[in-house]
Each structure stands twice: as C-alpha cells, then as structure tokens.
Amino acid sequence: MGEISGLRLLCCASALPPAVSRGELPGGADVLATGFDLQKAAAYLPATSRLTLHYAPDVAAPDVDGPLLFSQNALRDRDYGLWAGRNLRDVGLEEQLSFLSDVAFAPLGGESFAASYQRMAHWLDVLEQTVPAAVVLARPACVRNLILRVLYPGENPVSMVHAARVDVLPHSYSLLTCHAGRWRVGMLSAPM
C-alpha cells in the first residue's frame, strides 16, 4: 500500500437545539440529528475502506454500516451550567457582556469558552492521522472551534473576536485537510 498523502476530516454540523431559536442557551439533554448521509459525504472524501466517524455524545450516532464509530466526549457542546435553557436576555447586562467578550468567563457550574475550545483543540491536535479520511459529527459551535484551531493555531485560546468571525451553519459540511502536520480549511459550511 502506498504512503498516505494526508488526512481529510469532514466535519458535519448537526441541527441546533430548538430552544436556541427562542434565544435560549442549549442544554446538555438534547441529542440532535446531524443529517449525515454517507453517500453524500463520499463526494468530499477519498475512496477508503477505513472510514472513521467521531461523533459527539450530544448528537445522534449515525445508522451506517461499515465505518468505525467512536463517541468523543471532547466534541460535546459547551456546558452552560445553570444558564442552560435560560434566555440570555434574562441574565444581567454585565454577565451578558462577560459571556460574549471574555473567553475565561463561565456561567455558574458551567464551562468557559476557553475551556471548551481547548478541549476540542486538544482533540484535533492528537487526532490520529494515519488514515486518509475521517468524519466528525458535532454541533455547529464545536465544528467552528475545530476550524478556529486550524485558522489560529498559535493562539490558545482564540479570542471571542476570532470566534465571531466564523459561522458554521446547522446541517452543513466543512472540510479540514492535514498534510505533513499542517492543517488547512478546505471548505466552510457547505449545505448538505
């Protein structure tokens, strides 16, 4: 078998929790559909018999035959603690400002943006790159964090300004490629 030319990581963003459309922060109880279709995904991936799917515990595991499935706790959405399920408008203005601008701010009992970002960035940093293709199934914010790691590898964590510059749509594909240890964004938020 020839040498592998690089890894193609197809990131599949799930739906958003229904409460988000009402302005509420996501809770951890929702397991969301991804809309992942192995046939459609094949268009973005090299032909391989060793496809690996990494899915977050807060998205539904796909019902597919063939690929290896791995639940990855590191790919779960941010923990909003006592704010989960609350509307951001119901939080004090000072806390809202901290939440939206300070990477180290964490809602009571929750996780800061920096902590969730670093968890996902570490996962990407140690991802085994001995296969030609893999798939990530996660919520849009988590896919965004993986993309931010590729775009801003020297900043740990990235700023909220960086995070605000990248939108990942629900039910979309983004493609990350790695060759010789260097990551690139090959596609961002393409509709499924």
N, C-alpha and C. Protein backbone atom coordinates (compact mmCIF):
# COMPACT_ATOMS: atom_id res chain seq x y z
N MET A 1 0.85 -1.19 0.00
CA MET A 1 0.00 0.00 0.00
C MET A 1 0.89 1.24 0.00
N GLY A 2 0.52 2.25 -0.78
CA GLY A 2 1.31 3.47 -0.87
C GLY A 2 1.19 4.35 0.37
N GLU A 3 2.05 5.35 0.44
CA GLU A 3 2.05 6.27 1.57
C GLU A 3 0.80 7.14 1.53
N ILE A 4 0.21 7.39 2.68
CA ILE A 4 -0.99 8.22 2.76
C ILE A 4 -0.59 9.67 2.53
N SER A 5 -1.34 10.34 1.65
CA SER A 5 -0.97 11.70 1.27
C SER A 5 -1.49 12.76 2.23
N GLY A 6 -2.32 12.41 3.16
CA GLY A 6 -2.84 13.38 4.11
C GLY A 6 -4.21 12.96 4.61
N LEU A 7 -4.68 13.66 5.59
CA LEU A 7 -5.98 13.36 6.20
C LEU A 7 -7.00 14.38 5.73
N ARG A 8 -8.16 13.90 5.34
CA ARG A 8 -9.31 14.75 5.04
C ARG A 8 -10.32 14.52 6.15
N LEU A 9 -10.62 15.57 6.90
CA LEU A 9 -11.56 15.48 8.02
C LEU A 9 -12.82 16.25 7.65
N LEU A 10 -13.87 15.51 7.38
CA LEU A 10 -15.15 16.12 7.03
C LEU A 10 -15.94 16.35 8.31
N CYS A 11 -16.26 17.60 8.58
CA CYS A 11 -16.98 17.97 9.79
C CYS A 11 -18.44 18.23 9.44
N CYS A 12 -19.32 17.49 10.05
CA CYS A 12 -20.76 17.57 9.78
C CYS A 12 -21.43 18.25 10.97
N ALA A 13 -21.98 19.43 10.74
CA ALA A 13 -22.65 20.18 11.80
C ALA A 13 -24.10 19.72 11.93
N SER A 14 -24.50 19.46 13.15
CA SER A 14 -25.86 19.00 13.43
C SER A 14 -26.86 20.14 13.36
N ALA A 15 -28.10 19.81 13.66
CA ALA A 15 -29.13 20.82 13.87
C ALA A 15 -28.81 21.57 15.16
N LEU A 16 -29.49 22.67 15.37
CA LEU A 16 -29.40 23.38 16.65
C LEU A 16 -30.54 22.92 17.55
N PRO A 17 -30.35 22.97 18.86
CA PRO A 17 -31.47 22.66 19.75
C PRO A 17 -32.62 23.63 19.47
N PRO A 18 -33.86 23.17 19.48
CA PRO A 18 -35.00 24.04 19.18
C PRO A 18 -35.06 25.29 20.06
N ALA A 19 -34.61 25.20 21.28
CA ALA A 19 -34.68 26.33 22.20
C ALA A 19 -33.79 27.50 21.76
N VAL A 20 -32.75 27.22 20.96
CA VAL A 20 -31.84 28.28 20.52
C VAL A 20 -32.59 29.31 19.68
N SER A 21 -33.56 28.87 18.89
CA SER A 21 -34.32 29.82 18.07
C SER A 21 -35.15 30.77 18.93
N ARG A 22 -35.38 30.41 20.19
CA ARG A 22 -36.10 31.28 21.13
C ARG A 22 -35.14 32.12 21.97
N GLY A 23 -33.84 32.05 21.65
CA GLY A 23 -32.85 32.83 22.38
C GLY A 23 -32.32 32.14 23.63
N GLU A 24 -32.63 30.87 23.81
CA GLU A 24 -32.19 30.15 25.00
C GLU A 24 -30.85 29.47 24.73
N LEU A 25 -30.04 29.39 25.77
CA LEU A 25 -28.77 28.67 25.66
C LEU A 25 -29.05 27.18 25.66
N PRO A 26 -28.27 26.41 24.90
CA PRO A 26 -28.53 24.97 24.81
C PRO A 26 -28.33 24.27 26.15
N GLY A 27 -29.12 23.24 26.35
CA GLY A 27 -28.94 22.35 27.48
C GLY A 27 -28.24 21.10 27.00
N GLY A 28 -27.74 20.31 27.89
CA GLY A 28 -27.00 19.12 27.51
C GLY A 28 -27.86 17.92 27.22
N ALA A 29 -29.17 18.00 27.48
CA ALA A 29 -30.03 16.83 27.35
C ALA A 29 -30.43 16.53 25.91
N ASP A 30 -30.40 17.53 25.04
CA ASP A 30 -30.83 17.32 23.66
C ASP A 30 -29.79 16.52 22.88
N VAL A 31 -30.23 15.44 22.26
CA VAL A 31 -29.38 14.68 21.33
C VAL A 31 -29.91 15.03 19.94
N LEU A 32 -29.08 15.68 19.15
CA LEU A 32 -29.53 16.28 17.90
C LEU A 32 -29.18 15.45 16.68
N ALA A 33 -30.03 15.54 15.68
CA ALA A 33 -29.79 14.86 14.42
C ALA A 33 -28.73 15.62 13.63
N THR A 34 -27.93 14.88 12.89
CA THR A 34 -26.91 15.52 12.08
C THR A 34 -27.31 15.62 10.62
N GLY A 35 -28.16 14.75 10.16
CA GLY A 35 -28.49 14.74 8.74
C GLY A 35 -27.37 14.14 7.90
N PHE A 36 -26.44 13.48 8.56
CA PHE A 36 -25.29 12.89 7.87
C PHE A 36 -25.74 11.80 6.91
N ASP A 37 -25.21 11.86 5.70
CA ASP A 37 -25.52 10.88 4.67
C ASP A 37 -24.19 10.39 4.11
N LEU A 38 -23.89 9.14 4.34
CA LEU A 38 -22.61 8.57 3.92
C LEU A 38 -22.40 8.69 2.42
N GLN A 39 -23.46 8.54 1.63
CA GLN A 39 -23.35 8.64 0.17
C GLN A 39 -22.95 10.06 -0.25
N LYS A 40 -23.58 11.07 0.35
CA LYS A 40 -23.25 12.45 0.00
C LYS A 40 -21.86 12.83 0.51
N ALA A 41 -21.52 12.34 1.69
CA ALA A 41 -20.21 12.65 2.27
C ALA A 41 -19.08 12.08 1.43
N ALA A 42 -19.34 10.98 0.76
CA ALA A 42 -18.30 10.33 -0.05
C ALA A 42 -17.76 11.26 -1.14
N ALA A 43 -18.55 12.22 -1.56
CA ALA A 43 -18.09 13.17 -2.58
C ALA A 43 -16.92 14.02 -2.09
N TYR A 44 -16.79 14.18 -0.78
CA TYR A 44 -15.75 15.03 -0.21
C TYR A 44 -14.55 14.23 0.32
N LEU A 45 -14.66 12.91 0.28
CA LEU A 45 -13.64 12.07 0.90
C LEU A 45 -13.01 11.14 -0.13
N PRO A 46 -11.75 10.80 0.08
CA PRO A 46 -11.13 9.84 -0.82
C PRO A 46 -11.76 8.46 -0.62
N ALA A 47 -11.74 7.66 -1.66
CA ALA A 47 -12.26 6.30 -1.54
C ALA A 47 -11.41 5.56 -0.51
N THR A 48 -12.07 5.01 0.48
CA THR A 48 -11.35 4.31 1.53
C THR A 48 -12.23 3.24 2.13
N SER A 49 -11.61 2.19 2.58
CA SER A 49 -12.36 1.15 3.29
C SER A 49 -12.20 1.31 4.80
N ARG A 50 -11.47 2.33 5.22
CA ARG A 50 -11.18 2.53 6.64
C ARG A 50 -11.71 3.87 7.15
N LEU A 51 -12.93 4.20 6.83
CA LEU A 51 -13.51 5.47 7.27
C LEU A 51 -13.87 5.40 8.75
N THR A 52 -13.49 6.43 9.48
CA THR A 52 -13.78 6.53 10.91
C THR A 52 -14.70 7.70 11.15
N LEU A 53 -15.77 7.49 11.93
CA LEU A 53 -16.70 8.56 12.30
C LEU A 53 -16.55 8.83 13.79
N HIS A 54 -16.24 10.08 14.11
CA HIS A 54 -16.14 10.54 15.50
C HIS A 54 -17.38 11.39 15.76
N TYR A 55 -18.18 11.00 16.75
CA TYR A 55 -19.39 11.78 17.00
C TYR A 55 -19.45 12.23 18.46
N ALA A 56 -20.01 13.41 18.64
CA ALA A 56 -20.18 13.97 19.99
C ALA A 56 -21.33 13.26 20.67
N PRO A 57 -21.30 13.15 22.00
CA PRO A 57 -22.39 12.48 22.70
C PRO A 57 -23.71 13.24 22.66
N ASP A 58 -23.68 14.52 22.25
CA ASP A 58 -24.91 15.30 22.18
C ASP A 58 -25.48 15.38 20.76
N VAL A 59 -24.98 14.52 19.87
CA VAL A 59 -25.59 14.34 18.55
C VAL A 59 -25.91 12.86 18.38
N ALA A 60 -26.88 12.58 17.55
CA ALA A 60 -27.30 11.19 17.33
C ALA A 60 -26.22 10.44 16.55
N ALA A 61 -25.92 9.25 17.01
CA ALA A 61 -24.98 8.39 16.28
C ALA A 61 -25.63 7.99 14.97
N PRO A 62 -24.89 8.05 13.90
CA PRO A 62 -25.48 7.71 12.62
C PRO A 62 -25.74 6.21 12.50
N ASP A 63 -26.73 5.87 11.72
CA ASP A 63 -27.06 4.47 11.46
C ASP A 63 -26.43 4.09 10.12
N VAL A 64 -25.15 3.75 10.17
CA VAL A 64 -24.40 3.42 8.96
C VAL A 64 -23.68 2.10 9.15
N ASP A 65 -23.50 1.41 8.06
CA ASP A 65 -22.72 0.17 8.07
C ASP A 65 -21.35 0.44 7.50
N GLY A 66 -20.36 -0.17 8.08
CA GLY A 66 -19.01 -0.07 7.52
C GLY A 66 -18.05 0.78 8.33
N PRO A 67 -18.33 2.08 8.48
CA PRO A 67 -17.36 2.91 9.18
C PRO A 67 -17.25 2.54 10.67
N LEU A 68 -16.07 2.80 11.20
CA LEU A 68 -15.87 2.64 12.64
C LEU A 68 -16.46 3.85 13.34
N LEU A 69 -17.24 3.64 14.39
CA LEU A 69 -17.90 4.72 15.13
C LEU A 69 -17.24 4.89 16.49
N PHE A 70 -16.91 6.14 16.82
CA PHE A 70 -16.32 6.45 18.11
C PHE A 70 -17.02 7.65 18.72
N SER A 71 -17.61 7.47 19.90
CA SER A 71 -18.18 8.60 20.64
C SER A 71 -17.02 9.36 21.27
N GLN A 72 -17.00 10.68 21.08
CA GLN A 72 -15.89 11.51 21.56
C GLN A 72 -16.43 12.59 22.50
N ASN A 73 -16.23 12.41 23.79
CA ASN A 73 -16.70 13.38 24.76
C ASN A 73 -16.07 14.76 24.53
N ALA A 74 -14.88 14.80 24.00
CA ALA A 74 -14.20 16.08 23.74
C ALA A 74 -14.94 16.93 22.72
N LEU A 75 -15.81 16.32 21.90
CA LEU A 75 -16.53 17.05 20.86
C LEU A 75 -17.91 17.53 21.29
N ARG A 76 -18.24 17.35 22.57
CA ARG A 76 -19.56 17.79 23.05
C ARG A 76 -19.61 19.32 23.10
N ASP A 77 -20.82 19.86 23.11
CA ASP A 77 -21.02 21.30 23.17
C ASP A 77 -20.57 21.84 24.52
N ARG A 78 -20.40 23.11 24.58
CA ARG A 78 -20.02 23.80 25.82
C ARG A 78 -21.07 23.55 26.90
N ASP A 79 -20.63 23.41 28.13
CA ASP A 79 -21.52 23.24 29.27
C ASP A 79 -21.89 24.63 29.78
N TYR A 80 -23.17 24.97 29.71
CA TYR A 80 -23.62 26.30 30.13
C TYR A 80 -24.05 26.34 31.59
N GLY A 81 -23.85 25.26 32.32
CA GLY A 81 -24.13 25.23 33.75
C GLY A 81 -25.56 25.62 34.06
N LEU A 82 -25.72 26.51 35.05
CA LEU A 82 -27.05 26.93 35.46
C LEU A 82 -27.75 27.81 34.43
N TRP A 83 -27.02 28.25 33.42
CA TRP A 83 -27.62 29.04 32.36
C TRP A 83 -28.26 28.18 31.28
N ALA A 84 -28.01 26.91 31.26
CA ALA A 84 -28.57 26.03 30.23
C ALA A 84 -30.09 26.14 30.24
N GLY A 85 -30.66 26.38 29.09
CA GLY A 85 -32.11 26.52 28.96
C GLY A 85 -32.63 27.92 29.28
N ARG A 86 -31.76 28.80 29.75
CA ARG A 86 -32.19 30.17 30.05
C ARG A 86 -32.00 31.06 28.84
N ASN A 87 -32.85 32.07 28.74
CA ASN A 87 -32.71 33.07 27.69
C ASN A 87 -31.61 34.03 28.12
N LEU A 88 -30.72 34.36 27.20
CA LEU A 88 -29.61 35.26 27.53
C LEU A 88 -30.11 36.63 27.97
N ARG A 89 -31.31 37.02 27.50
CA ARG A 89 -31.88 38.30 27.91
C ARG A 89 -32.24 38.33 29.40
N ASP A 90 -32.42 37.15 30.00
CA ASP A 90 -32.78 37.06 31.41
C ASP A 90 -31.57 37.14 32.34
N VAL A 91 -30.40 37.27 31.75
CA VAL A 91 -29.16 37.37 32.51
C VAL A 91 -28.79 38.85 32.60
N GLY A 92 -28.18 39.26 33.70
CA GLY A 92 -27.79 40.66 33.86
C GLY A 92 -26.87 41.14 32.75
N LEU A 93 -26.94 42.44 32.47
CA LEU A 93 -26.16 43.02 31.37
C LEU A 93 -24.66 42.81 31.54
N GLU A 94 -24.17 42.96 32.75
CA GLU A 94 -22.73 42.78 32.99
C GLU A 94 -22.31 41.33 32.70
N GLU A 95 -23.14 40.38 33.13
CA GLU A 95 -22.84 38.98 32.85
C GLU A 95 -22.95 38.67 31.36
N GLN A 96 -23.93 39.28 30.69
CA GLN A 96 -24.06 39.10 29.24
C GLN A 96 -22.79 39.56 28.54
N LEU A 97 -22.31 40.75 28.92
CA LEU A 97 -21.11 41.30 28.32
C LEU A 97 -19.91 40.38 28.56
N SER A 98 -19.77 39.89 29.78
CA SER A 98 -18.67 38.96 30.08
C SER A 98 -18.79 37.69 29.26
N PHE A 99 -19.99 37.16 29.17
CA PHE A 99 -20.24 35.93 28.42
C PHE A 99 -19.85 36.10 26.95
N LEU A 100 -20.15 37.25 26.38
CA LEU A 100 -19.93 37.50 24.96
C LEU A 100 -18.53 38.00 24.62
N SER A 101 -17.74 38.42 25.63
CA SER A 101 -16.45 39.01 25.32
C SER A 101 -15.26 38.42 26.05
N ASP A 102 -15.47 37.72 27.14
CA ASP A 102 -14.38 37.21 27.97
C ASP A 102 -14.26 35.70 27.81
N VAL A 103 -13.18 35.23 27.20
CA VAL A 103 -13.02 33.79 26.95
C VAL A 103 -12.94 32.98 28.24
N ALA A 104 -12.56 33.62 29.34
CA ALA A 104 -12.39 32.90 30.61
C ALA A 104 -13.67 32.87 31.45
N PHE A 105 -14.71 33.63 31.04
CA PHE A 105 -15.94 33.68 31.82
C PHE A 105 -16.72 32.37 31.67
N ALA A 106 -17.18 31.86 32.80
CA ALA A 106 -18.00 30.65 32.80
C ALA A 106 -19.27 30.90 33.61
N PRO A 107 -20.43 30.55 33.07
CA PRO A 107 -21.65 30.64 33.86
C PRO A 107 -21.50 29.72 35.09
N LEU A 108 -22.20 30.03 36.16
CA LEU A 108 -22.11 29.24 37.38
C LEU A 108 -22.34 27.76 37.07
N GLY A 109 -21.39 26.93 37.47
CA GLY A 109 -21.48 25.50 37.24
C GLY A 109 -21.20 25.08 35.81
N GLY A 110 -20.77 26.01 34.98
CA GLY A 110 -20.56 25.72 33.57
C GLY A 110 -19.11 25.82 33.15
N GLU A 111 -18.92 25.93 31.87
CA GLU A 111 -17.60 25.90 31.27
C GLU A 111 -17.36 27.20 30.51
N SER A 112 -16.16 27.70 30.57
CA SER A 112 -15.82 28.91 29.81
C SER A 112 -15.64 28.55 28.34
N PHE A 113 -15.70 29.58 27.49
CA PHE A 113 -15.41 29.38 26.08
C PHE A 113 -14.00 28.82 25.93
N ALA A 114 -13.05 29.37 26.69
CA ALA A 114 -11.66 28.92 26.60
C ALA A 114 -11.53 27.44 26.92
N ALA A 115 -12.19 26.98 27.96
CA ALA A 115 -12.09 25.57 28.35
C ALA A 115 -12.69 24.67 27.28
N SER A 116 -13.85 25.04 26.75
CA SER A 116 -14.46 24.19 25.72
C SER A 116 -13.62 24.21 24.44
N TYR A 117 -13.11 25.37 24.07
CA TYR A 117 -12.26 25.47 22.89
C TYR A 117 -11.00 24.62 23.06
N GLN A 118 -10.35 24.73 24.20
CA GLN A 118 -9.11 23.98 24.41
C GLN A 118 -9.35 22.48 24.41
N ARG A 119 -10.48 22.05 24.93
CA ARG A 119 -10.83 20.62 24.91
C ARG A 119 -10.91 20.11 23.47
N MET A 120 -11.58 20.89 22.61
CA MET A 120 -11.73 20.47 21.21
C MET A 120 -10.42 20.63 20.43
N ALA A 121 -9.68 21.70 20.72
CA ALA A 121 -8.39 21.90 20.05
C ALA A 121 -7.42 20.77 20.39
N HIS A 122 -7.41 20.35 21.64
CA HIS A 122 -6.54 19.24 22.04
C HIS A 122 -6.93 17.97 21.29
N TRP A 123 -8.24 17.73 21.16
CA TRP A 123 -8.70 16.54 20.43
C TRP A 123 -8.16 16.56 19.00
N LEU A 124 -8.25 17.72 18.34
CA LEU A 124 -7.76 17.82 16.96
C LEU A 124 -6.24 17.65 16.92
N ASP A 125 -5.54 18.20 17.90
CA ASP A 125 -4.08 18.11 17.93
C ASP A 125 -3.59 16.67 18.04
N VAL A 126 -4.33 15.83 18.74
CA VAL A 126 -3.87 14.45 18.94
C VAL A 126 -4.60 13.46 18.04
N LEU A 127 -5.44 13.94 17.14
CA LEU A 127 -6.16 13.06 16.24
C LEU A 127 -5.18 12.22 15.43
N GLU A 128 -5.41 10.94 15.42
CA GLU A 128 -4.56 10.02 14.66
C GLU A 128 -4.68 10.35 13.18
N GLN A 129 -3.56 10.57 12.55
CA GLN A 129 -3.56 10.97 11.15
C GLN A 129 -3.00 9.87 10.25
N THR A 130 -3.26 8.63 10.62
CA THR A 130 -2.74 7.52 9.82
C THR A 130 -3.78 6.97 8.85
N VAL A 131 -4.95 7.58 8.82
CA VAL A 131 -5.98 7.17 7.88
C VAL A 131 -6.20 8.31 6.88
N PRO A 132 -6.68 8.00 5.68
CA PRO A 132 -6.85 9.06 4.69
C PRO A 132 -8.07 9.94 4.92
N ALA A 133 -9.07 9.42 5.67
CA ALA A 133 -10.30 10.19 5.84
C ALA A 133 -10.97 9.85 7.15
N ALA A 134 -11.62 10.86 7.71
CA ALA A 134 -12.42 10.68 8.92
C ALA A 134 -13.54 11.71 8.88
N VAL A 135 -14.55 11.47 9.71
CA VAL A 135 -15.71 12.36 9.78
C VAL A 135 -15.93 12.73 11.23
N VAL A 136 -16.30 14.00 11.46
CA VAL A 136 -16.71 14.49 12.78
C VAL A 136 -18.18 14.86 12.69
N LEU A 137 -18.97 14.39 13.64
CA LEU A 137 -20.38 14.75 13.75
C LEU A 137 -20.54 15.49 15.07
N ALA A 138 -20.83 16.79 15.00
CA ALA A 138 -20.90 17.60 16.22
C ALA A 138 -21.81 18.80 15.98
N ARG A 139 -22.08 19.52 17.04
CA ARG A 139 -22.90 20.73 16.93
C ARG A 139 -22.12 21.83 16.20
N PRO A 140 -22.83 22.80 15.60
CA PRO A 140 -22.15 23.84 14.83
C PRO A 140 -21.05 24.59 15.59
N ALA A 141 -21.28 24.92 16.85
CA ALA A 141 -20.26 25.64 17.62
C ALA A 141 -18.99 24.81 17.80
N CYS A 142 -19.15 23.51 17.88
CA CYS A 142 -17.99 22.63 18.04
C CYS A 142 -17.20 22.53 16.74
N VAL A 143 -17.91 22.43 15.62
CA VAL A 143 -17.24 22.45 14.32
C VAL A 143 -16.50 23.77 14.15
N ARG A 144 -17.14 24.87 14.56
CA ARG A 144 -16.48 26.18 14.48
C ARG A 144 -15.19 26.18 15.29
N ASN A 145 -15.19 25.58 16.47
CA ASN A 145 -13.98 25.55 17.29
C ASN A 145 -12.86 24.77 16.62
N LEU A 146 -13.17 23.68 15.95
CA LEU A 146 -12.14 22.94 15.22
C LEU A 146 -11.57 23.80 14.09
N ILE A 147 -12.44 24.52 13.40
CA ILE A 147 -11.99 25.40 12.33
C ILE A 147 -11.11 26.53 12.89
N LEU A 148 -11.51 27.08 14.02
CA LEU A 148 -10.70 28.13 14.64
C LEU A 148 -9.31 27.62 14.99
N ARG A 149 -9.22 26.37 15.44
CA ARG A 149 -7.91 25.79 15.76
C ARG A 149 -7.02 25.75 14.53
N VAL A 150 -7.62 25.44 13.38
CA VAL A 150 -6.85 25.39 12.13
C VAL A 150 -6.45 26.79 11.69
N LEU A 151 -7.36 27.74 11.79
CA LEU A 151 -7.08 29.10 11.33
C LEU A 151 -6.12 29.87 12.24
N TYR A 152 -6.16 29.62 13.53
CA TYR A 152 -5.36 30.37 14.51
C TYR A 152 -4.59 29.40 15.42
N PRO A 153 -3.69 28.60 14.86
CA PRO A 153 -3.03 27.56 15.66
C PRO A 153 -2.13 28.10 16.77
N GLY A 154 -1.62 29.30 16.64
CA GLY A 154 -0.70 29.85 17.64
C GLY A 154 -1.39 30.52 18.81
N GLU A 155 -2.68 30.72 18.71
CA GLU A 155 -3.41 31.41 19.78
C GLU A 155 -4.17 30.39 20.60
N ASN A 156 -3.91 30.38 21.90
CA ASN A 156 -4.52 29.36 22.74
C ASN A 156 -5.03 29.97 24.02
N PRO A 157 -6.30 30.24 24.17
CA PRO A 157 -7.34 30.02 23.18
C PRO A 157 -7.47 31.21 22.25
N VAL A 158 -8.28 31.04 21.24
CA VAL A 158 -8.57 32.16 20.35
C VAL A 158 -9.46 33.15 21.10
N SER A 159 -9.54 34.36 20.59
CA SER A 159 -10.38 35.37 21.23
C SER A 159 -11.83 35.22 20.79
N MET A 160 -12.70 35.89 21.50
CA MET A 160 -14.11 35.91 21.11
C MET A 160 -14.28 36.65 19.79
N VAL A 161 -13.39 37.58 19.49
CA VAL A 161 -13.44 38.29 18.21
C VAL A 161 -13.21 37.29 17.07
N HIS A 162 -12.22 36.41 17.25
CA HIS A 162 -11.98 35.37 16.23
C HIS A 162 -13.21 34.48 16.07
N ALA A 163 -13.78 34.06 17.19
CA ALA A 163 -14.94 33.17 17.15
C ALA A 163 -16.12 33.82 16.44
N ALA A 164 -16.28 35.12 16.61
CA ALA A 164 -17.40 35.84 15.99
C ALA A 164 -17.24 35.97 14.48
N ARG A 165 -16.05 35.69 13.95
CA ARG A 165 -15.80 35.83 12.52
C ARG A 165 -16.11 34.57 11.72
N VAL A 166 -16.39 33.48 12.39
CA VAL A 166 -16.63 32.21 11.69
C VAL A 166 -18.03 31.70 12.02
N ASP A 167 -18.85 31.56 11.00
CA ASP A 167 -20.18 30.99 11.16
C ASP A 167 -20.20 29.60 10.55
N VAL A 168 -20.72 28.66 11.31
CA VAL A 168 -20.94 27.31 10.80
C VAL A 168 -22.44 27.07 10.89
N LEU A 169 -23.06 26.86 9.75
CA LEU A 169 -24.50 26.68 9.69
C LEU A 169 -24.89 25.28 10.16
N PRO A 170 -26.07 25.17 10.77
CA PRO A 170 -26.58 23.82 11.07
C PRO A 170 -26.75 23.03 9.78
N HIS A 171 -26.61 21.74 9.88
CA HIS A 171 -26.74 20.83 8.73
C HIS A 171 -25.86 21.27 7.57
N SER A 172 -24.57 21.41 7.88
CA SER A 172 -23.60 21.78 6.84
C SER A 172 -22.34 20.94 6.99
N TYR A 173 -21.56 20.92 5.92
CA TYR A 173 -20.27 20.25 5.91
C TYR A 173 -19.17 21.29 5.86
N SER A 174 -18.11 21.03 6.60
CA SER A 174 -16.87 21.80 6.49
C SER A 174 -15.75 20.76 6.34
N LEU A 175 -14.73 21.11 5.59
CA LEU A 175 -13.66 20.16 5.33
C LEU A 175 -12.33 20.73 5.81
N LEU A 176 -11.65 19.95 6.63
CA LEU A 176 -10.31 20.28 7.09
C LEU A 176 -9.36 19.24 6.50
N THR A 177 -8.21 19.69 6.03
CA THR A 177 -7.23 18.76 5.49
C THR A 177 -5.91 18.96 6.23
N CYS A 178 -5.18 17.86 6.37
CA CYS A 178 -3.89 17.92 7.04
C CYS A 178 -2.87 17.16 6.20
N HIS A 179 -1.77 17.81 5.93
CA HIS A 179 -0.66 17.17 5.22
C HIS A 179 0.63 17.59 5.91
N ALA A 180 1.43 16.62 6.25
CA ALA A 180 2.71 16.86 6.91
C ALA A 180 2.54 17.71 8.18
N GLY A 181 1.45 17.44 8.91
CA GLY A 181 1.23 18.13 10.18
C GLY A 181 0.65 19.52 10.05
N ARG A 182 0.35 19.97 8.85
CA ARG A 182 -0.20 21.32 8.64
C ARG A 182 -1.66 21.22 8.21
N TRP A 183 -2.51 21.89 8.99
CA TRP A 183 -3.95 21.87 8.72
C TRP A 183 -4.34 23.04 7.83
N ARG A 184 -5.38 22.80 7.03
CA ARG A 184 -5.97 23.85 6.18
C ARG A 184 -7.48 23.70 6.21
N VAL A 185 -8.17 24.80 5.97
CA VAL A 185 -9.63 24.77 5.80
C VAL A 185 -9.87 24.63 4.31
N GLY A 186 -10.49 23.52 3.92
CA GLY A 186 -10.74 23.27 2.50
C GLY A 186 -12.14 23.70 2.06
N MET A 187 -13.06 23.74 3.04
CA MET A 187 -14.45 24.11 2.72
C MET A 187 -15.10 24.52 4.03
N LEU A 188 -15.97 25.52 3.96
CA LEU A 188 -16.62 26.02 5.17
C LEU A 188 -18.13 26.06 4.98
N SER A 189 -18.84 25.32 5.80
CA SER A 189 -20.29 25.43 5.93
C SER A 189 -21.07 25.24 4.62
N ALA A 190 -20.70 24.24 3.86
CA ALA A 190 -21.45 23.92 2.64
C ALA A 190 -22.74 23.19 3.01
N PRO A 191 -23.86 23.55 2.40
CA PRO A 191 -25.12 22.87 2.73
C PRO A 191 -25.04 21.39 2.42
N MET A 192 -25.76 20.59 3.20
CA MET A 192 -25.78 19.14 2.98
C MET A 192 -26.63 18.80 1.78
